[in-house]
């Protein structure tokens, strides 16, 4: 199965586009770059559940920092 690099690149881009559309429908609030990074991490063996937990924790921390301190 020898595919040209341009064909692989086009296929990868199409896959990311489809995943991005799905993520928009699911309201994940992930941009294409972040989504592509997550896909790459999962393809490298990162546990998807653990990755989701990290993303949620980072969002919680970001939201907490965005709130004004009660002093």
C-alpha atoms as a PDB file:
ATOM      1  CA  UNK A   1       0.000   0.000   0.000  1.00  0.00           C
ATOM      2  CA  UNK A   2       2.156   2.816  -1.233  1.00  0.00           C
ATOM      3  CA  UNK A   3       0.371   6.119  -1.037  1.00  0.00           C
ATOM      4  CA  UNK A   4       1.914   9.406  -1.948  1.00  0.00           C
ATOM      5  CA  UNK A   5       2.745  11.796   0.886  1.00  0.00           C
ATOM      6  CA  UNK A   6       0.326  14.320  -0.597  1.00  0.00           C
ATOM      7  CA  UNK A   7      -2.467  11.712  -0.503  1.00  0.00           C
ATOM      8  CA  UNK A   8      -1.686  10.880   3.129  1.00  0.00           C
ATOM      9  CA  UNK A   9      -1.638  14.553   4.011  1.00  0.00           C
ATOM     10  CA  UNK A  10      -4.968  15.163   2.288  1.00  0.00           C
ATOM     11  CA  UNK A  11      -6.473  12.146   4.022  1.00  0.00           C
ATOM     12  CA  UNK A  12      -5.169  13.302   7.414  1.00  0.00           C
ATOM     13  CA  UNK A  13      -6.577  16.784   6.837  1.00  0.00           C
ATOM     14  CA  UNK A  14      -9.943  15.347   5.832  1.00  0.00           C
ATOM     15  CA  UNK A  15      -9.978  13.224   8.994  1.00  0.00           C
ATOM     16  CA  UNK A  16      -9.215  16.254  11.172  1.00  0.00           C
ATOM     17  CA  UNK A  17     -11.929  18.240   9.381  1.00  0.00           C
ATOM     18  CA  UNK A  18     -14.486  15.500  10.086  1.00  0.00           C
ATOM     19  CA  UNK A  19     -13.391  15.182  13.706  1.00  0.00           C
ATOM     20  CA  UNK A  20     -13.587  18.958  14.073  1.00  0.00           C
ATOM     21  CA  UNK A  21     -17.141  18.999  12.735  1.00  0.00           C
ATOM     22  CA  UNK A  22     -18.055  16.273  15.223  1.00  0.00           C
ATOM     23  CA  UNK A  23     -16.389  18.171  18.061  1.00  0.00           C
ATOM     24  CA  UNK A  24     -18.382  21.273  17.131  1.00  0.00           C
ATOM     25  CA  UNK A  25     -21.613  19.275  17.253  1.00  0.00           C
ATOM     26  CA  UNK A  26     -20.603  17.953  20.668  1.00  0.00           C
ATOM     27  CA  UNK A  27     -19.627  21.461  21.820  1.00  0.00           C
ATOM     28  CA  UNK A  28     -16.148  20.424  22.948  1.00  0.00           C
ATOM     29  CA  UNK A  29     -14.776  23.952  22.475  1.00  0.00           C
ATOM     30  CA  UNK A  30     -11.608  22.548  20.902  1.00  0.00           C
ATOM     31  CA  UNK A  31     -10.065  24.354  17.960  1.00  0.00           C
ATOM     32  CA  UNK A  32      -8.602  22.376  15.050  1.00  0.00           C
ATOM     33  CA  UNK A  33      -5.027  22.722  16.282  1.00  0.00           C
ATOM     34  CA  UNK A  34      -5.864  21.475  19.765  1.00  0.00           C
ATOM     35  CA  UNK A  35      -7.963  18.677  18.333  1.00  0.00           C
ATOM     36  CA  UNK A  36      -5.103  17.614  16.045  1.00  0.00           C
ATOM     37  CA  UNK A  37      -2.732  17.654  19.025  1.00  0.00           C
ATOM     38  CA  UNK A  38      -5.120  15.469  21.020  1.00  0.00           C
ATOM     39  CA  UNK A  39      -5.454  13.024  18.121  1.00  0.00           C
ATOM     40  CA  UNK A  40      -1.664  12.859  17.845  1.00  0.00           C
ATOM     41  CA  UNK A  41      -1.311  12.179  21.564  1.00  0.00           C
ATOM     42  CA  UNK A  42      -3.913   9.425  21.427  1.00  0.00           C
ATOM     43  CA  UNK A  43      -2.224   7.874  18.385  1.00  0.00           C
ATOM     44  CA  UNK A  44       1.018   7.926  20.396  1.00  0.00           C
ATOM     45  CA  UNK A  45      -0.585   5.876  23.155  1.00  0.00           C
ATOM     46  CA  UNK A  46      -1.951   8.460  25.594  1.00  0.00           C
ATOM     47  CA  UNK A  47      -5.048   7.240  27.392  1.00  0.00           C
ATOM     48  CA  UNK A  48      -8.029   9.187  25.961  1.00  0.00           C
ATOM     49  CA  UNK A  49      -9.838   9.253  29.310  1.00  0.00           C
ATOM     50  CA  UNK A  50      -6.769  10.647  31.057  1.00  0.00           C
ATOM     51  CA  UNK A  51      -6.352  13.252  28.311  1.00  0.00           C
ATOM     52  CA  UNK A  52      -9.990  14.312  28.708  1.00  0.00           C
ATOM     53  CA  UNK A  53      -9.484  14.664  32.468  1.00  0.00           C
ATOM     54  CA  UNK A  54      -6.413  16.850  31.939  1.00  0.00           C
ATOM     55  CA  UNK A  55      -8.308  19.093  29.518  1.00  0.00           C
ATOM     56  CA  UNK A  56     -11.211  19.433  31.943  1.00  0.00           C
ATOM     57  CA  UNK A  57      -8.859  20.240  34.826  1.00  0.00           C
ATOM     58  CA  UNK A  58      -7.060  22.880  32.772  1.00  0.00           C
ATOM     59  CA  UNK A  59     -10.402  24.453  31.894  1.00  0.00           C
ATOM     60  CA  UNK A  60     -11.442  24.486  35.572  1.00  0.00           C
ATOM     61  CA  UNK A  61      -8.161  26.122  36.557  1.00  0.00           C
ATOM     62  CA  UNK A  62      -8.497  28.665  33.766  1.00  0.00           C
ATOM     63  CA  UNK A  63     -12.030  29.519  34.825  1.00  0.00           C
ATOM     64  CA  UNK A  64     -10.966  29.862  38.460  1.00  0.00           C
ATOM     65  CA  UNK A  65      -8.177  32.264  37.503  1.00  0.00           C
ATOM     66  CA  UNK A  66     -10.538  34.309  35.348  1.00  0.00           C
ATOM     67  CA  UNK A  67     -12.857  34.950  38.307  1.00  0.00           C
ATOM     68  CA  UNK A  68     -11.997  38.006  40.389  1.00  0.00           C
ATOM     69  CA  UNK A  69     -10.589  37.254  43.836  1.00  0.00           C
ATOM     70  CA  UNK A  70     -12.785  37.962  46.833  1.00  0.00           C
ATOM     71  CA  UNK A  71     -10.455  39.962  49.068  1.00  0.00           C
END
